[in-house]
């Protein structure tokens, strides 16, 4: 709901210390906030859906195949977690 700074990306992570025996050191760099429009995300999503349905032959950004890939990955992840891999 904020006008500015809706999303902030932080440069944090681990870097390998080349001076040691494979140890890692933490990195805490700067941050930045990309410019994002003031449109409502649900409104944008619904407008795209309506446009895809109303336009013959239109390909939506995400379709059934995309959904199937997501479900497939989540299913494999769940199986791996259940088996302790």
PDB file of N, CA and C in Angstrom:
ATOM      1  N   UNK A   1       0.807  -1.193   0.000  1.00  0.00           N
ATOM      2  CA  UNK A   1       0.000   0.000   0.000  1.00  0.00           C
ATOM      3  C   UNK A   1       0.856   1.264   0.000  1.00  0.00           C
ATOM      4  N   UNK A   2       2.153   1.109   0.254  1.00  0.00           N
ATOM      5  CA  UNK A   2       3.015   2.295   0.282  1.00  0.00           C
ATOM      6  C   UNK A   2       3.222   2.830  -1.131  1.00  0.00           C
ATOM      7  N   UNK A   3       3.391   4.132  -1.241  1.00  0.00           N
ATOM      8  CA  UNK A   3       3.643   4.762  -2.534  1.00  0.00           C
ATOM      9  C   UNK A   3       5.063   4.466  -2.998  1.00  0.00           C
ATOM     10  N   UNK A   4       6.040   4.563  -2.094  1.00  0.00           N
ATOM     11  CA  UNK A   4       7.442   4.327  -2.434  1.00  0.00           C
ATOM     12  C   UNK A   4       7.994   3.193  -1.584  1.00  0.00           C
ATOM     13  N   UNK A   5       9.014   2.527  -2.098  1.00  0.00           N
ATOM     14  CA  UNK A   5       9.678   1.469  -1.347  1.00  0.00           C
ATOM     15  C   UNK A   5       8.798   0.258  -1.100  1.00  0.00           C
ATOM     16  N   UNK A   6       7.972  -0.105  -2.093  1.00  0.00           N
ATOM     17  CA  UNK A   6       7.089  -1.259  -1.932  1.00  0.00           C
ATOM     18  C   UNK A   6       7.876  -2.554  -1.829  1.00  0.00           C
ATOM     19  N   UNK A   7       9.003  -2.581  -2.499  1.00  0.00           N
ATOM     20  CA  UNK A   7       9.843  -3.773  -2.521  1.00  0.00           C
ATOM     21  C   UNK A   7      11.284  -3.325  -2.325  1.00  0.00           C
ATOM     22  N   UNK A   8      12.001  -3.985  -1.436  1.00  0.00           N
ATOM     23  CA  UNK A   8      13.404  -3.664  -1.202  1.00  0.00           C
ATOM     24  C   UNK A   8      14.234  -4.919  -1.397  1.00  0.00           C
ATOM     25  N   UNK A   9      15.283  -4.820  -2.204  1.00  0.00           N
ATOM     26  CA  UNK A   9      16.205  -5.933  -2.436  1.00  0.00           C
ATOM     27  C   UNK A   9      17.486  -5.667  -1.650  1.00  0.00           C
ATOM     28  N   UNK A  10      17.921  -6.664  -0.892  1.00  0.00           N
ATOM     29  CA  UNK A  10      19.122  -6.531  -0.070  1.00  0.00           C
ATOM     30  C   UNK A  10      20.230  -7.408  -0.633  1.00  0.00           C
ATOM     31  N   UNK A  11      21.434  -6.875  -0.661  1.00  0.00           N
ATOM     32  CA  UNK A  11      22.599  -7.626  -1.114  1.00  0.00           C
ATOM     33  C   UNK A  11      23.211  -8.319   0.101  1.00  0.00           C
ATOM     34  N   UNK A  12      22.692  -9.502   0.395  1.00  0.00           N
ATOM     35  CA  UNK A  12      23.203 -10.284   1.519  1.00  0.00           C
ATOM     36  C   UNK A  12      23.485 -11.686   1.023  1.00  0.00           C
ATOM     37  N   UNK A  13      24.462 -12.316   1.628  1.00  0.00           N
ATOM     38  CA  UNK A  13      24.775 -13.678   1.221  1.00  0.00           C
ATOM     39  C   UNK A  13      26.059 -14.152   1.857  1.00  0.00           C
ATOM     40  N   UNK A  14      26.639 -15.196   1.240  1.00  0.00           N
ATOM     41  CA  UNK A  14      27.883 -15.785   1.713  1.00  0.00           C
ATOM     42  C   UNK A  14      28.887 -15.788   0.579  1.00  0.00           C
ATOM     43  N   UNK A  15      30.114 -15.439   0.889  1.00  0.00           N
ATOM     44  CA  UNK A  15      31.209 -15.487  -0.073  1.00  0.00           C
ATOM     45  C   UNK A  15      32.283 -16.407   0.469  1.00  0.00           C
ATOM     46  N   UNK A  16      32.923 -17.148  -0.435  1.00  0.00           N
ATOM     47  CA  UNK A  16      33.993 -18.036  -0.005  1.00  0.00           C
ATOM     48  C   UNK A  16      35.250 -17.212   0.275  1.00  0.00           C
ATOM     49  N   UNK A  17      35.848 -17.453   1.415  1.00  0.00           N
ATOM     50  CA  UNK A  17      37.077 -16.763   1.797  1.00  0.00           C
ATOM     51  C   UNK A  17      38.239 -17.491   1.131  1.00  0.00           C
ATOM     52  N   UNK A  18      38.862 -16.872   0.125  1.00  0.00           N
ATOM     53  CA  UNK A  18      39.941 -17.518  -0.613  1.00  0.00           C
ATOM     54  C   UNK A  18      41.225 -17.612   0.194  1.00  0.00           C
ATOM     55  N   UNK A  19      41.305 -16.925   1.313  1.00  0.00           N
ATOM     56  CA  UNK A  19      42.499 -16.955   2.150  1.00  0.00           C
ATOM     57  C   UNK A  19      42.477 -18.110   3.152  1.00  0.00           C
ATOM     58  N   UNK A  20      41.345 -18.811   3.246  1.00  0.00           N
ATOM     59  CA  UNK A  20      41.237 -19.869   4.257  1.00  0.00           C
ATOM     60  C   UNK A  20      40.953 -21.210   3.591  1.00  0.00           C
ATOM     61  N   UNK A  21      40.572 -22.169   4.387  1.00  0.00           N
ATOM     62  CA  UNK A  21      40.335 -23.529   3.927  1.00  0.00           C
ATOM     63  C   UNK A  21      38.864 -23.750   3.588  1.00  0.00           C
ATOM     64  N   UNK A  22      38.351 -23.000   2.654  1.00  0.00           N
ATOM     65  CA  UNK A  22      36.973 -23.183   2.204  1.00  0.00           C
ATOM     66  C   UNK A  22      35.919 -22.620   3.134  1.00  0.00           C
ATOM     67  N   UNK A  23      36.316 -21.719   4.019  1.00  0.00           N
ATOM     68  CA  UNK A  23      35.336 -21.116   4.908  1.00  0.00           C
ATOM     69  C   UNK A  23      34.545 -20.048   4.155  1.00  0.00           C
ATOM     70  N   UNK A  24      33.389 -19.766   4.666  1.00  0.00           N
ATOM     71  CA  UNK A  24      32.549 -18.747   4.057  1.00  0.00           C
ATOM     72  C   UNK A  24      32.398 -17.571   5.008  1.00  0.00           C
ATOM     73  N   UNK A  25      32.333 -16.400   4.418  1.00  0.00           N
ATOM     74  CA  UNK A  25      32.119 -15.197   5.217  1.00  0.00           C
ATOM     75  C   UNK A  25      30.793 -14.571   4.782  1.00  0.00           C
ATOM     76  N   UNK A  26      30.128 -13.936   5.713  1.00  0.00           N
ATOM     77  CA  UNK A  26      28.846 -13.313   5.371  1.00  0.00           C
ATOM     78  C   UNK A  26      29.079 -11.978   4.683  1.00  0.00           C
ATOM     79  N   UNK A  27      28.145 -11.647   3.813  1.00  0.00           N
ATOM     80  CA  UNK A  27      28.198 -10.384   3.086  1.00  0.00           C
ATOM     81  C   UNK A  27      26.904  -9.630   3.361  1.00  0.00           C
ATOM     82  N   UNK A  28      27.018  -8.406   3.764  1.00  0.00           N
ATOM     83  CA  UNK A  28      25.850  -7.545   3.965  1.00  0.00           C
ATOM     84  C   UNK A  28      26.109  -6.247   3.211  1.00  0.00           C
ATOM     85  N   UNK A  29      25.665  -6.223   1.970  1.00  0.00           N
ATOM     86  CA  UNK A  29      25.884  -5.044   1.134  1.00  0.00           C
ATOM     87  C   UNK A  29      24.744  -4.057   1.258  1.00  0.00           C
ATOM     88  N   UNK A  30      24.579  -3.299   0.227  1.00  0.00           N
ATOM     89  CA  UNK A  30      23.550  -2.262   0.226  1.00  0.00           C
ATOM     90  C   UNK A  30      22.170  -2.807  -0.106  1.00  0.00           C
ATOM     91  N   UNK A  31      21.253  -1.910  -0.283  1.00  0.00           N
ATOM     92  CA  UNK A  31      19.900  -2.285  -0.660  1.00  0.00           C
ATOM     93  C   UNK A  31      19.397  -1.299  -1.710  1.00  0.00           C
ATOM     94  N   UNK A  32      18.383  -1.711  -2.449  1.00  0.00           N
ATOM     95  CA  UNK A  32      17.785  -0.827  -3.432  1.00  0.00           C
ATOM     96  C   UNK A  32      16.307  -1.166  -3.582  1.00  0.00           C
ATOM     97  N   UNK A  33      15.543  -0.184  -3.985  1.00  0.00           N
ATOM     98  CA  UNK A  33      14.108  -0.358  -4.167  1.00  0.00           C
ATOM     99  C   UNK A  33      13.756  -0.040  -5.616  1.00  0.00           C
ATOM    100  N   UNK A  34      13.365  -1.062  -6.381  1.00  0.00           N
ATOM    101  CA  UNK A  34      13.004  -0.801  -7.776  1.00  0.00           C
ATOM    102  C   UNK A  34      11.720   0.005  -7.859  1.00  0.00           C
ATOM    103  N   UNK A  35      11.593   0.756  -8.923  1.00  0.00           N
ATOM    104  CA  UNK A  35      10.395   1.573  -9.125  1.00  0.00           C
ATOM    105  C   UNK A  35       9.255   0.657  -9.581  1.00  0.00           C
ATOM    106  N   UNK A  36       8.155   0.712  -8.880  1.00  0.00           N
ATOM    107  CA  UNK A  36       6.972  -0.080  -9.213  1.00  0.00           C
ATOM    108  C   UNK A  36       5.793   0.861  -9.396  1.00  0.00           C
ATOM    109  N   UNK A  37       4.926   0.504 -10.313  1.00  0.00           N
ATOM    110  CA  UNK A  37       3.749   1.330 -10.567  1.00  0.00           C
ATOM    111  C   UNK A  37       2.757   1.283  -9.417  1.00  0.00           C
ATOM    112  N   UNK A  38       1.775   2.164  -9.476  1.00  0.00           N
ATOM    113  CA  UNK A  38       0.760   2.233  -8.435  1.00  0.00           C
ATOM    114  C   UNK A  38      -0.527   1.514  -8.823  1.00  0.00           C
ATOM    115  N   UNK A  39      -0.419   0.490  -9.656  1.00  0.00           N
ATOM    116  CA  UNK A  39      -1.608  -0.254 -10.038  1.00  0.00           C
ATOM    117  C   UNK A  39      -1.869  -1.365  -9.021  1.00  0.00           C
ATOM    118  N   UNK A  40      -3.126  -1.746  -8.914  1.00  0.00           N
ATOM    119  CA  UNK A  40      -3.486  -2.829  -8.009  1.00  0.00           C
ATOM    120  C   UNK A  40      -3.146  -4.152  -8.693  1.00  0.00           C
ATOM    121  N   UNK A  41      -2.340  -5.017  -8.060  1.00  0.00           N
ATOM    122  CA  UNK A  41      -1.928  -6.274  -8.692  1.00  0.00           C
ATOM    123  C   UNK A  41      -3.106  -7.160  -9.114  1.00  0.00           C
ATOM    124  N   UNK A  42      -4.125  -7.288  -8.274  1.00  0.00           N
ATOM    125  CA  UNK A  42      -5.262  -8.132  -8.621  1.00  0.00           C
ATOM    126  C   UNK A  42      -6.004  -7.570  -9.829  1.00  0.00           C
ATOM    127  N   UNK A  43      -6.127  -6.251  -9.893  1.00  0.00           N
ATOM    128  CA  UNK A  43      -6.783  -5.616 -11.035  1.00  0.00           C
ATOM    129  C   UNK A  43      -6.007  -5.916 -12.318  1.00  0.00           C
ATOM    130  N   UNK A  44      -4.684  -5.786 -12.270  1.00  0.00           N
ATOM    131  CA  UNK A  44      -3.842  -6.070 -13.435  1.00  0.00           C
ATOM    132  C   UNK A  44      -3.997  -7.523 -13.866  1.00  0.00           C
ATOM    133  N   UNK A  45      -4.006  -8.434 -12.900  1.00  0.00           N
ATOM    134  CA  UNK A  45      -4.149  -9.860 -13.201  1.00  0.00           C
ATOM    135  C   UNK A  45      -5.506 -10.147 -13.849  1.00  0.00           C
ATOM    136  N   UNK A  46      -6.572  -9.578 -13.296  1.00  0.00           N
ATOM    137  CA  UNK A  46      -7.909  -9.814 -13.841  1.00  0.00           C
ATOM    138  C   UNK A  46      -8.077  -9.195 -15.223  1.00  0.00           C
ATOM    139  N   UNK A  47      -7.508  -8.009 -15.454  1.00  0.00           N
ATOM    140  CA  UNK A  47      -7.583  -7.391 -16.785  1.00  0.00           C
ATOM    141  C   UNK A  47      -6.889  -8.267 -17.822  1.00  0.00           C
ATOM    142  N   UNK A  48      -5.742  -8.838 -17.444  1.00  0.00           N
ATOM    143  CA  UNK A  48      -5.032  -9.724 -18.366  1.00  0.00           C
ATOM    144  C   UNK A  48      -5.860 -10.976 -18.646  1.00  0.00           C
ATOM    145  N   UNK A  49      -6.475 -11.550 -17.611  1.00  0.00           N
ATOM    146  CA  UNK A  49      -7.304 -12.737 -17.777  1.00  0.00           C
ATOM    147  C   UNK A  49      -8.472 -12.455 -18.722  1.00  0.00           C
ATOM    148  N   UNK A  50      -9.177 -11.364 -18.486  1.00  0.00           N
ATOM    149  CA  UNK A  50     -10.328 -11.011 -19.324  1.00  0.00           C
ATOM    150  C   UNK A  50      -9.879 -10.790 -20.767  1.00  0.00           C
ATOM    151  N   UNK A  51      -8.762 -10.109 -20.948  1.00  0.00           N
ATOM    152  CA  UNK A  51      -8.236  -9.869 -22.291  1.00  0.00           C
ATOM    153  C   UNK A  51      -7.876 -11.190 -22.985  1.00  0.00           C
ATOM    154  N   UNK A  52      -7.287 -12.120 -22.253  1.00  0.00           N
ATOM    155  CA  UNK A  52      -6.917 -13.418 -22.833  1.00  0.00           C
ATOM    156  C   UNK A  52      -8.146 -14.216 -23.250  1.00  0.00           C
ATOM    157  N   UNK A  53      -9.187 -14.157 -22.438  1.00  0.00           N
ATOM    158  CA  UNK A  53     -10.417 -14.887 -22.755  1.00  0.00           C
ATOM    159  C   UNK A  53     -11.147 -14.237 -23.926  1.00  0.00           C
ATOM    160  N   UNK A  54     -11.144 -12.914 -23.972  1.00  0.00           N
ATOM    161  CA  UNK A  54     -11.892 -12.189 -24.997  1.00  0.00           C
ATOM    162  C   UNK A  54     -11.204 -12.161 -26.353  1.00  0.00           C
ATOM    163  N   UNK A  55      -9.904 -12.425 -26.399  1.00  0.00           N
ATOM    164  CA  UNK A  55      -9.151 -12.360 -27.650  1.00  0.00           C
ATOM    165  C   UNK A  55      -8.910 -13.772 -28.178  1.00  0.00           C
ATOM    166  N   UNK A  56      -9.535 -14.136 -29.306  1.00  0.00           N
ATOM    167  CA  UNK A  56      -9.328 -15.479 -29.861  1.00  0.00           C
ATOM    168  C   UNK A  56      -7.848 -15.739 -30.180  1.00  0.00           C
ATOM    169  N   UNK A  57      -7.360 -16.873 -29.748  1.00  0.00           N
ATOM    170  CA  UNK A  57      -5.983 -17.263 -30.035  1.00  0.00           C
ATOM    171  C   UNK A  57      -4.939 -16.620 -29.143  1.00  0.00           C
ATOM    172  N   UNK A  58      -5.366 -15.806 -28.188  1.00  0.00           N
ATOM    173  CA  UNK A  58      -4.407 -15.136 -27.294  1.00  0.00           C
ATOM    174  C   UNK A  58      -3.778 -16.150 -26.352  1.00  0.00           C
ATOM    175  N   UNK A  59      -2.497 -15.984 -26.100  1.00  0.00           N
ATOM    176  CA  UNK A  59      -1.794 -16.845 -25.164  1.00  0.00           C
ATOM    177  C   UNK A  59      -1.569 -16.073 -23.874  1.00  0.00           C
ATOM    178  N   UNK A  60      -2.109 -16.572 -22.756  1.00  0.00           N
ATOM    179  CA  UNK A  60      -1.907 -15.879 -21.483  1.00  0.00           C
ATOM    180  C   UNK A  60      -0.471 -16.025 -21.000  1.00  0.00           C
ATOM    181  N   UNK A  61      -0.072 -15.156 -20.089  1.00  0.00           N
ATOM    182  CA  UNK A  61       1.284 -15.235 -19.535  1.00  0.00           C
ATOM    183  C   UNK A  61       1.518 -16.583 -18.870  1.00  0.00           C
ATOM    184  N   UNK A  62       0.522 -17.058 -18.157  1.00  0.00           N
ATOM    185  CA  UNK A  62       0.591 -18.388 -17.551  1.00  0.00           C
ATOM    186  C   UNK A  62      -0.631 -19.163 -18.013  1.00  0.00           C
ATOM    187  N   UNK A  63      -0.404 -20.418 -18.357  1.00  0.00           N
ATOM    188  CA  UNK A  63      -1.497 -21.240 -18.840  1.00  0.00           C
ATOM    189  C   UNK A  63      -1.503 -22.575 -18.094  1.00  0.00           C
ATOM    190  N   UNK A  64      -2.270 -23.508 -18.567  1.00  0.00           N
ATOM    191  CA  UNK A  64      -2.367 -24.817 -17.922  1.00  0.00           C
ATOM    192  C   UNK A  64      -1.031 -25.547 -17.875  1.00  0.00           C
ATOM    193  N   UNK A  65      -0.241 -25.412 -18.920  1.00  0.00           N
ATOM    194  CA  UNK A  65       1.074 -26.078 -18.936  1.00  0.00           C
ATOM    195  C   UNK A  65       1.980 -25.497 -17.844  1.00  0.00           C
ATOM    196  N   UNK A  66       1.925 -24.197 -17.701  1.00  0.00           N
ATOM    197  CA  UNK A  66       2.718 -23.540 -16.665  1.00  0.00           C
ATOM    198  C   UNK A  66       2.285 -24.025 -15.287  1.00  0.00           C
ATOM    199  N   UNK A  67       0.985 -24.110 -15.066  1.00  0.00           N
ATOM    200  CA  UNK A  67       0.469 -24.609 -13.790  1.00  0.00           C
ATOM    201  C   UNK A  67       0.884 -26.044 -13.536  1.00  0.00           C
ATOM    202  N   UNK A  68       0.858 -26.873 -14.578  1.00  0.00           N
ATOM    203  CA  UNK A  68       1.270 -28.267 -14.444  1.00  0.00           C
ATOM    204  C   UNK A  68       2.740 -28.375 -14.058  1.00  0.00           C
ATOM    205  N   UNK A  69       3.599 -27.521 -14.631  1.00  0.00           N
ATOM    206  CA  UNK A  69       5.018 -27.542 -14.272  1.00  0.00           C
ATOM    207  C   UNK A  69       5.214 -27.178 -12.798  1.00  0.00           C
ATOM    208  N   UNK A  70       4.485 -26.177 -12.328  1.00  0.00           N
ATOM    209  CA  UNK A  70       4.594 -25.766 -10.923  1.00  0.00           C
ATOM    210  C   UNK A  70       4.158 -26.901 -10.007  1.00  0.00           C
ATOM    211  N   UNK A  71       3.008 -27.519 -10.306  1.00  0.00           N
ATOM    212  CA  UNK A  71       2.511 -28.611  -9.473  1.00  0.00           C
ATOM    213  C   UNK A  71       3.482 -29.792  -9.501  1.00  0.00           C
ATOM    214  N   UNK A  72       4.076 -30.062 -10.651  1.00  0.00           N
ATOM    215  CA  UNK A  72       5.033 -31.163 -10.776  1.00  0.00           C
ATOM    216  C   UNK A  72       6.266 -30.931  -9.898  1.00  0.00           C
ATOM    217  N   UNK A  73       6.802 -29.723  -9.929  1.00  0.00           N
ATOM    218  CA  UNK A  73       7.977 -29.398  -9.110  1.00  0.00           C
ATOM    219  C   UNK A  73       7.630 -29.496  -7.629  1.00  0.00           C
ATOM    220  N   UNK A  74       6.480 -28.965  -7.237  1.00  0.00           N
ATOM    221  CA  UNK A  74       6.084 -29.021  -5.833  1.00  0.00           C
ATOM    222  C   UNK A  74       5.856 -30.456  -5.380  1.00  0.00           C
ATOM    223  N   UNK A  75       5.297 -31.283  -6.247  1.00  0.00           N
ATOM    224  CA  UNK A  75       5.075 -32.686  -5.917  1.00  0.00           C
ATOM    225  C   UNK A  75       6.395 -33.422  -5.705  1.00  0.00           C
ATOM    226  N   UNK A  76       7.357 -33.185  -6.601  1.00  0.00           N
ATOM    227  CA  UNK A  76       8.671 -33.826  -6.448  1.00  0.00           C
ATOM    228  C   UNK A  76       9.377 -33.340  -5.185  1.00  0.00           C
ATOM    229  N   UNK A  77       9.229 -32.067  -4.867  1.00  0.00           N
ATOM    230  CA  UNK A  77       9.822 -31.538  -3.658  1.00  0.00           C
ATOM    231  C   UNK A  77       9.209 -32.184  -2.426  1.00  0.00           C
ATOM    232  N   UNK A  78       7.900 -32.321  -2.424  1.00  0.00           N
ATOM    233  CA  UNK A  78       7.222 -32.944  -1.298  1.00  0.00           C
ATOM    234  C   UNK A  78       7.661 -34.403  -1.139  1.00  0.00           C
ATOM    235  N   UNK A  79       7.811 -35.129  -2.229  1.00  0.00           N
ATOM    236  CA  UNK A  79       8.274 -36.514  -2.175  1.00  0.00           C
ATOM    237  C   UNK A  79       9.701 -36.590  -1.624  1.00  0.00           C
ATOM    238  N   UNK A  80      10.560 -35.673  -2.076  1.00  0.00           N
ATOM    239  CA  UNK A  80      11.945 -35.662  -1.594  1.00  0.00           C
ATOM    240  C   UNK A  80      12.012 -35.366  -0.100  1.00  0.00           C
ATOM    241  N   UNK A  81      11.200 -34.432   0.359  1.00  0.00           N
ATOM    242  CA  UNK A  81      11.189 -34.109   1.783  1.00  0.00           C
ATOM    243  C   UNK A  81      10.663 -35.261   2.606  1.00  0.00           C
ATOM    244  N   UNK A  82       9.660 -35.967   2.099  1.00  0.00           N
ATOM    245  CA  UNK A  82       9.091 -37.099   2.816  1.00  0.00           C
ATOM    246  C   UNK A  82      10.062 -38.273   2.911  1.00  0.00           C
ATOM    247  N   UNK A  83      10.897 -38.439   1.888  1.00  0.00           N
ATOM    248  CA  UNK A  83      11.847 -39.555   1.907  1.00  0.00           C
ATOM    249  C   UNK A  83      13.161 -39.195   2.584  1.00  0.00           C
ATOM    250  N   UNK A  84      13.315 -37.938   2.988  1.00  0.00           N
ATOM    251  CA  UNK A  84      14.514 -37.521   3.700  1.00  0.00           C
ATOM    252  C   UNK A  84      15.698 -37.224   2.800  1.00  0.00           C
ATOM    253  N   UNK A  85      15.473 -37.063   1.499  1.00  0.00           N
ATOM    254  CA  UNK A  85      16.576 -36.749   0.581  1.00  0.00           C
ATOM    255  C   UNK A  85      16.961 -35.313   0.657  1.00  0.00           C
TER     256      UNK A  85
END
